[in-house]
Protein backbone atom coordinates (compact mmCIF):
# COMPACT_ATOMS: atom_id res chain seq x y z
CA UNK A 1 0.00 0.00 0.00
CA UNK A 2 1.44 3.34 -1.03
CA UNK A 3 0.75 6.67 0.62
CA UNK A 4 1.73 9.81 -1.28
CA UNK A 5 3.24 12.69 0.66
CA UNK A 6 3.15 15.86 -1.41
CA UNK A 7 6.39 17.23 0.03
CA UNK A 8 9.39 16.14 -2.03
CA UNK A 9 12.18 14.12 -0.43
CA UNK A 10 14.54 16.91 -1.54
CA UNK A 11 13.53 20.55 -2.04
CA UNK A 12 13.87 20.79 -5.84
CA UNK A 13 14.34 24.36 -7.11
CA UNK A 14 15.38 26.06 -10.35
CA UNK A 15 16.62 29.60 -10.95
CA UNK A 16 15.14 30.10 -14.42
CA UNK A 17 13.41 28.25 -17.26
CA UNK A 18 15.68 26.11 -19.43
CA UNK A 19 13.87 23.89 -21.98
CA UNK A 20 17.15 22.56 -23.35
CA UNK A 21 18.30 21.21 -20.00
CA UNK A 22 14.76 19.98 -19.30
CA UNK A 23 15.12 17.79 -22.37
CA UNK A 24 18.47 16.41 -21.19
CA UNK A 25 16.99 15.68 -17.77
CA UNK A 26 14.28 13.55 -19.40
CA UNK A 27 17.00 10.90 -19.63
CA UNK A 28 16.61 10.37 -15.88
CA UNK A 29 12.81 10.37 -16.09
CA UNK A 30 12.06 7.98 -18.94
CA UNK A 31 15.50 6.78 -20.03
CA UNK A 32 17.00 3.32 -19.63
CA UNK A 33 19.18 4.44 -16.71
CA UNK A 34 16.56 6.71 -15.16
CA UNK A 35 14.51 6.68 -11.99
CA UNK A 36 11.42 5.03 -13.49
CA UNK A 37 13.52 2.12 -14.78
CA UNK A 38 15.19 1.72 -11.38
CA UNK A 39 11.90 1.86 -9.48
CA UNK A 40 10.26 -0.74 -11.71
CA UNK A 41 13.33 -2.97 -11.69
CA UNK A 42 13.56 -3.19 -7.90
CA UNK A 43 9.79 -3.35 -7.52
CA UNK A 44 9.66 -6.32 -9.94
CA UNK A 45 12.61 -8.11 -8.37
CA UNK A 46 11.03 -7.88 -4.92
CA UNK A 47 8.17 -10.27 -5.71
CA UNK A 48 10.44 -13.25 -6.32
CA UNK A 49 12.53 -12.43 -3.26
CA UNK A 50 9.69 -12.29 -0.72
CA UNK A 51 9.45 -15.99 0.15
CA UNK A 52 13.09 -17.13 0.19
CA UNK A 53 14.53 -13.75 1.29
CA UNK A 54 11.89 -11.67 3.11
CA UNK A 55 14.54 -9.29 4.44
CA UNK A 56 15.76 -8.55 0.91
CA UNK A 57 12.12 -8.11 -0.19
CA UNK A 58 11.81 -5.36 2.39
CA UNK A 59 15.01 -3.70 1.17
CA UNK A 60 14.03 -3.87 -2.51
CA UNK A 61 10.60 -2.41 -1.81
CA UNK A 62 12.10 0.40 0.25
CA UNK A 63 14.60 1.33 -2.46
CA UNK A 64 11.98 0.99 -5.20
CA UNK A 65 9.73 3.37 -3.29
CA UNK A 66 12.57 5.85 -2.87
CA UNK A 67 13.26 5.65 -6.61
CA UNK A 68 9.63 6.64 -7.24
CA UNK A 69 10.21 9.64 -4.98
CA UNK A 70 13.30 10.48 -7.05
CA UNK A 71 11.19 10.21 -10.19
CA UNK A 72 8.90 12.83 -8.67
CA UNK A 73 11.87 15.10 -7.97
CA UNK A 74 13.12 14.77 -11.55
CA UNK A 75 9.63 15.33 -12.98
CA UNK A 76 9.06 18.38 -10.80
CA UNK A 77 12.41 19.84 -11.84
CA UNK A 78 11.65 19.31 -15.53
CA UNK A 79 8.25 20.93 -15.12
CA UNK A 80 9.80 23.98 -13.48
CA UNK A 81 12.39 24.19 -16.25
CA UNK A 82 9.53 24.31 -18.77
CA UNK A 83 7.80 27.34 -17.32
CA UNK A 84 6.82 29.54 -20.21
CA UNK A 85 6.07 26.55 -22.45
CA UNK A 86 2.88 25.35 -20.77
CA UNK A 87 -0.62 26.83 -20.70
CA UNK A 88 0.50 29.99 -18.94
CA UNK A 89 2.81 30.86 -21.82
CA UNK A 90 1.59 34.43 -22.35
CA UNK A 91 1.88 35.49 -18.71
CA UNK A 92 5.25 33.79 -18.29
CA UNK A 93 6.61 35.28 -21.50
CA UNK A 94 5.76 38.78 -20.30
CA UNK A 95 7.40 38.34 -16.91
CA UNK A 96 10.78 39.77 -16.01
CA UNK A 97 12.05 36.23 -15.36
CA UNK A 98 11.49 35.17 -18.96
CA UNK A 99 12.86 38.46 -20.28
CA UNK A 100 16.00 37.90 -18.25
CA UNK A 101 16.61 34.38 -19.43
CA UNK A 102 15.99 35.44 -23.04
CA UNK A 103 18.51 38.31 -22.66
CA UNK A 104 15.85 41.00 -22.85
CA UNK A 105 13.80 39.54 -25.72
CA UNK A 106 10.18 39.72 -24.61
CA UNK A 107 8.71 37.93 -27.63
CA UNK A 108 7.13 34.68 -26.54
CA UNK A 109 8.24 33.15 -29.84
CA UNK A 110 11.75 33.00 -28.39
CA UNK A 111 10.85 30.66 -25.54
CA UNK A 112 8.69 28.58 -27.88
CA UNK A 113 11.61 28.33 -30.27
CA UNK A 114 13.86 27.23 -27.40
CA UNK A 115 11.45 24.45 -26.47
CA UNK A 116 11.02 23.35 -30.07
CA UNK A 117 14.76 23.22 -30.56
CA UNK A 118 15.22 21.14 -27.42
CA UNK A 119 12.34 18.74 -28.03
CA UNK A 120 9.37 19.37 -30.38
CA UNK A 121 7.19 17.10 -28.23
CA UNK A 122 7.24 19.68 -25.44
CA UNK A 123 4.89 21.95 -27.37
CA UNK A 124 3.23 19.60 -29.86
CA UNK A 125 2.43 16.51 -27.75
CA UNK A 126 2.97 17.05 -24.03
CA UNK A 127 1.88 20.70 -23.88
CA UNK A 128 4.87 21.66 -21.80
CA UNK A 129 4.49 18.67 -19.49
CA UNK A 130 6.54 15.60 -18.57
CA UNK A 131 6.04 12.14 -20.06
CA UNK A 132 8.07 8.94 -19.61
CA UNK A 133 10.35 9.43 -22.60
CA UNK A 134 14.09 9.87 -22.87
CA UNK A 135 15.94 12.91 -24.19
CA UNK A 136 15.42 11.72 -27.77
CA UNK A 137 11.66 11.34 -27.35
CA UNK A 138 11.76 7.53 -27.24
CA UNK A 139 9.02 6.17 -24.92
CA UNK A 140 10.03 4.30 -21.79
CA UNK A 141 10.29 0.55 -22.40
CA UNK A 142 9.98 -2.45 -20.05
CA UNK A 143 13.03 -3.99 -21.71
CA UNK A 144 15.09 -1.58 -19.58
CA UNK A 145 14.26 -3.77 -16.57
CA UNK A 146 16.58 -6.58 -15.46
CA UNK A 147 14.80 -9.13 -13.28
CA UNK A 148 16.07 -12.70 -13.57
CA UNK A 149 14.42 -14.48 -10.65
CA UNK A 150 17.76 -15.18 -8.97
CA UNK A 151 18.44 -12.67 -6.21
CA UNK A 152 22.23 -12.80 -6.58
CA UNK A 153 21.91 -12.04 -10.31
CA UNK A 154 19.39 -9.27 -9.65
CA UNK A 155 21.58 -7.65 -7.01
CA UNK A 156 24.56 -7.64 -9.36
CA UNK A 157 22.35 -6.04 -12.03
CA UNK A 158 21.38 -3.41 -9.49
CA UNK A 159 25.00 -2.60 -8.74
CA UNK A 160 25.49 -1.89 -12.44
CA UNK A 161 22.23 0.10 -12.64
CA UNK A 162 23.18 2.36 -9.74
CA UNK A 163 26.65 2.86 -11.24
CA UNK A 164 25.23 3.93 -14.61
CA UNK A 165 22.65 6.24 -13.03
CA UNK A 166 25.34 7.90 -10.91
CA UNK A 167 27.40 8.52 -14.03
CA UNK A 168 24.44 10.05 -15.91
CA UNK A 169 23.81 12.54 -13.09
CA UNK A 170 27.50 13.39 -13.08
CA UNK A 171 27.37 14.12 -16.82
CA UNK A 172 24.16 16.15 -16.50
CA UNK A 173 25.78 18.47 -13.97
CA UNK A 174 28.20 19.60 -16.67
CA UNK A 175 25.39 21.08 -18.77
CA UNK A 176 23.79 23.50 -16.32
CA UNK A 177 25.14 26.34 -14.21
CA UNK A 178 21.98 26.63 -12.12
CA UNK A 179 23.15 26.21 -8.48
CA UNK A 180 19.75 24.93 -7.35
CA UNK A 181 19.73 22.21 -10.00
CA UNK A 182 23.28 21.27 -9.03
CA UNK A 183 22.07 20.75 -5.46
CA UNK A 184 19.23 18.50 -6.63
CA UNK A 185 21.40 16.47 -8.98
CA UNK A 186 24.08 16.10 -6.32
CA UNK A 187 21.49 14.71 -3.90
CA UNK A 188 20.15 12.25 -6.48
CA UNK A 189 23.65 11.21 -7.55
CA UNK A 190 24.68 10.58 -3.94
CA UNK A 191 21.62 8.45 -3.27
CA UNK A 192 22.74 6.19 -6.15
CA UNK A 193 25.97 5.64 -4.22
CA UNK A 194 24.02 4.85 -1.04
CA UNK A 195 21.83 2.34 -2.88
CA UNK A 196 24.91 0.72 -4.43
CA UNK A 197 26.34 0.06 -0.97
CA UNK A 198 22.99 -1.29 0.26
CA UNK A 199 22.84 -3.76 -2.63
CA UNK A 200 26.48 -4.68 -2.11
CA UNK A 201 25.88 -5.41 1.57
CA UNK A 202 22.78 -7.47 0.74
CA UNK A 203 24.72 -9.54 -1.79
CA UNK A 204 27.55 -10.16 0.66
CA UNK A 205 25.03 -11.33 3.28
CA UNK A 206 23.93 -14.23 1.04
CA UNK A 207 26.14 -17.31 1.53
CA UNK A 208 27.32 -19.18 -1.56
CA UNK A 209 26.30 -16.27 -3.80
CA UNK A 210 28.68 -17.24 -6.61
CA UNK A 211 28.30 -18.62 -9.18
CA UNK A 212 24.63 -17.62 -9.59
CA UNK A 213 21.94 -20.22 -10.07
CA UNK A 214 22.09 -23.81 -8.89
CA UNK A 215 24.56 -25.70 -11.09
CA UNK A 216 28.28 -25.42 -10.44
CA UNK A 217 30.69 -24.45 -13.20
CA UNK A 218 32.38 -27.20 -15.19
CA UNK A 219 35.89 -27.59 -13.68
CA UNK A 220 37.35 -28.44 -17.10
CA UNK A 221 36.75 -24.94 -18.43
CA UNK A 222 36.63 -22.64 -15.41
CA UNK A 223 40.30 -21.67 -15.26
CA UNK A 224 41.11 -21.32 -18.95
CA UNK A 225 42.03 -17.93 -20.37
CA UNK A 226 42.47 -17.87 -24.16
CA UNK A 227 45.01 -15.54 -25.75
CA UNK A 228 42.86 -14.17 -28.56
CA UNK A 229 44.83 -11.06 -29.52
CA UNK A 230 48.39 -10.18 -30.47
CA UNK A 231 50.60 -8.87 -27.69
CA UNK A 232 48.48 -10.09 -24.78
CA UNK A 233 48.72 -8.05 -21.61
CA UNK A 234 49.00 -10.09 -18.42
CA UNK A 235 47.21 -9.10 -15.26
CA UNK A 236 45.14 -10.50 -12.38
CA UNK A 237 42.42 -11.39 -14.90
CA UNK A 238 44.64 -13.98 -16.67
CA UNK A 239 47.51 -14.90 -14.32
CA UNK A 240 47.91 -15.83 -10.69
CA UNK A 241 45.05 -16.88 -8.45
CA UNK A 242 41.43 -16.56 -9.54
CA UNK A 243 39.62 -14.10 -7.22
CA UNK A 244 37.96 -15.91 -4.35
CA UNK A 245 38.24 -19.43 -5.80
CA UNK A 246 41.69 -20.55 -4.66
CA UNK A 247 42.59 -21.76 -8.15
CA UNK A 248 45.18 -20.59 -10.65
CA UNK A 249 44.38 -19.17 -14.06
CA UNK A 250 45.53 -21.37 -16.96
CA UNK A 251 46.76 -19.09 -19.74
CA UNK A 252 46.51 -20.72 -23.15
CA UNK A 253 49.09 -18.95 -25.29
CA UNK A 254 48.16 -20.65 -28.58
CA UNK A 255 44.40 -21.28 -28.47
CA UNK A 256 44.11 -22.51 -32.08
CA UNK A 257 46.62 -25.28 -31.45
CA UNK A 258 44.98 -26.14 -28.13
CA UNK A 259 41.52 -26.42 -29.73
CA UNK A 260 42.84 -28.63 -32.52
CA UNK A 261 44.85 -30.89 -30.21
CA UNK A 262 41.94 -31.27 -27.77
CA UNK A 263 39.44 -31.83 -30.60
CA UNK A 264 37.35 -28.90 -29.50
CA UNK A 265 37.95 -29.31 -25.74
CA UNK A 266 36.71 -32.91 -25.76
CA UNK A 267 40.10 -34.56 -25.14
CA UNK A 268 42.02 -32.55 -22.59
CA UNK A 269 45.46 -33.56 -21.42
CA UNK A 270 44.48 -33.37 -17.75
CA UNK A 271 42.05 -35.84 -16.16
CA UNK A 272 39.21 -34.02 -14.40
CA UNK A 273 37.35 -37.16 -13.31
CA UNK A 274 37.60 -36.40 -9.60
CA UNK A 275 36.54 -32.78 -10.05
CA UNK A 276 33.57 -33.76 -12.25
CA UNK A 277 32.31 -36.20 -9.62
CA UNK A 278 32.61 -33.50 -6.98
CA UNK A 279 30.65 -31.16 -9.25
CA UNK A 280 27.83 -33.69 -9.67
CA UNK A 281 27.61 -34.13 -5.91
CA UNK A 282 27.59 -30.37 -5.38
CA UNK A 283 24.85 -29.93 -7.99
CA UNK A 284 22.65 -32.40 -6.12
CA UNK A 285 23.28 -30.68 -2.80
CA UNK A 286 22.63 -27.21 -4.15
CA UNK A 287 19.47 -28.34 -5.95
CA UNK A 288 18.02 -29.66 -2.72
CA UNK A 289 19.13 -26.60 -0.76
CA UNK A 290 17.82 -24.01 -3.22
CA UNK A 291 14.51 -25.81 -3.59
CA UNK A 292 14.15 -26.12 0.18
CA UNK A 293 14.71 -22.38 0.64
CA UNK A 294 11.48 -21.70 -1.19
CA UNK A 295 9.46 -24.74 -0.12
CA UNK A 296 10.19 -24.31 3.59
CA UNK A 297 9.11 -20.68 3.47
CA UNK A 298 5.88 -21.33 1.55
CA UNK A 299 2.79 -21.29 3.79
CA UNK A 300 0.58 -24.34 3.86
CA UNK A 301 -3.06 -24.10 2.88
CA UNK A 302 -4.39 -20.81 1.56
CA UNK A 303 -1.64 -18.55 0.35
CA UNK A 304 -1.72 -15.05 1.81
CA UNK A 305 0.73 -12.30 0.91
CA UNK A 306 0.26 -10.08 3.99
CA UNK A 307 -0.37 -10.61 7.67
CA UNK A 308 -2.70 -7.91 8.96
CA UNK A 309 -2.56 -6.76 12.53
CA UNK A 310 -5.42 -5.06 14.34
CA UNK A 311 -4.41 -1.64 15.55
CA UNK A 312 -5.82 -0.86 18.99
CA UNK A 313 -7.87 2.28 19.43
């Protein structure tokens, strides 16, 4: 159940109308890295997490709700930046504020031209309002959402989402000198960092969170690194110990020869019989464990999503 509070989470303000920056800011309203995409992504992921991970369900719903509040901040800022384009065009165009931003030109055609140049939809479709589209006018799309039904995969997707959103806000700050907008964007950018750390902590709290899914990786192919370019650069991604696995990378200097000699990886020089048996046993154990996580948390009888408590008078 949602309850809307009309006061914004952050006091969004703008110094003057700026249709061009309003159009850029649409990227964080209806773009693939924007607040609507983030809100819907975490909101969608939460449903699958409720039974096996009720604590993570609570976290995802909280962050999703905050992202909706950020969407409101972005939308409100865009609307304020479009003053002079909406239904009060004549009054706004005659005001000293519009005259100042247009360098003394009082003709309302100037502000209309500015909006048309930034985004024709502002005056022809949205009437100076905000719609879930990106800065190129492309409507918001559900394909922006990453929800895979595995919490460890979803949390890693969220780390990437928060990183991209933080970067977009950082870029946006370069295109406006309005100090009030800088304050708003700095707040929103910083909250992306906070959410990143929340998702990171949630991921780290899940035991056996790698590799994702149920089945273990095939030990015959886990450590191989193929040299597929001239002048290969060596680093921790292809030499030394694999991060967190206690195994060494196997660098294959001549991959074409290796593929031919192994008949397409089917006849390897090393015998992995012991490791393959261990993998099969681990797959069985993890299958039972992962299934039990959900089954043991499922209520018997009639399924009910919420438990309602009577509030005393």
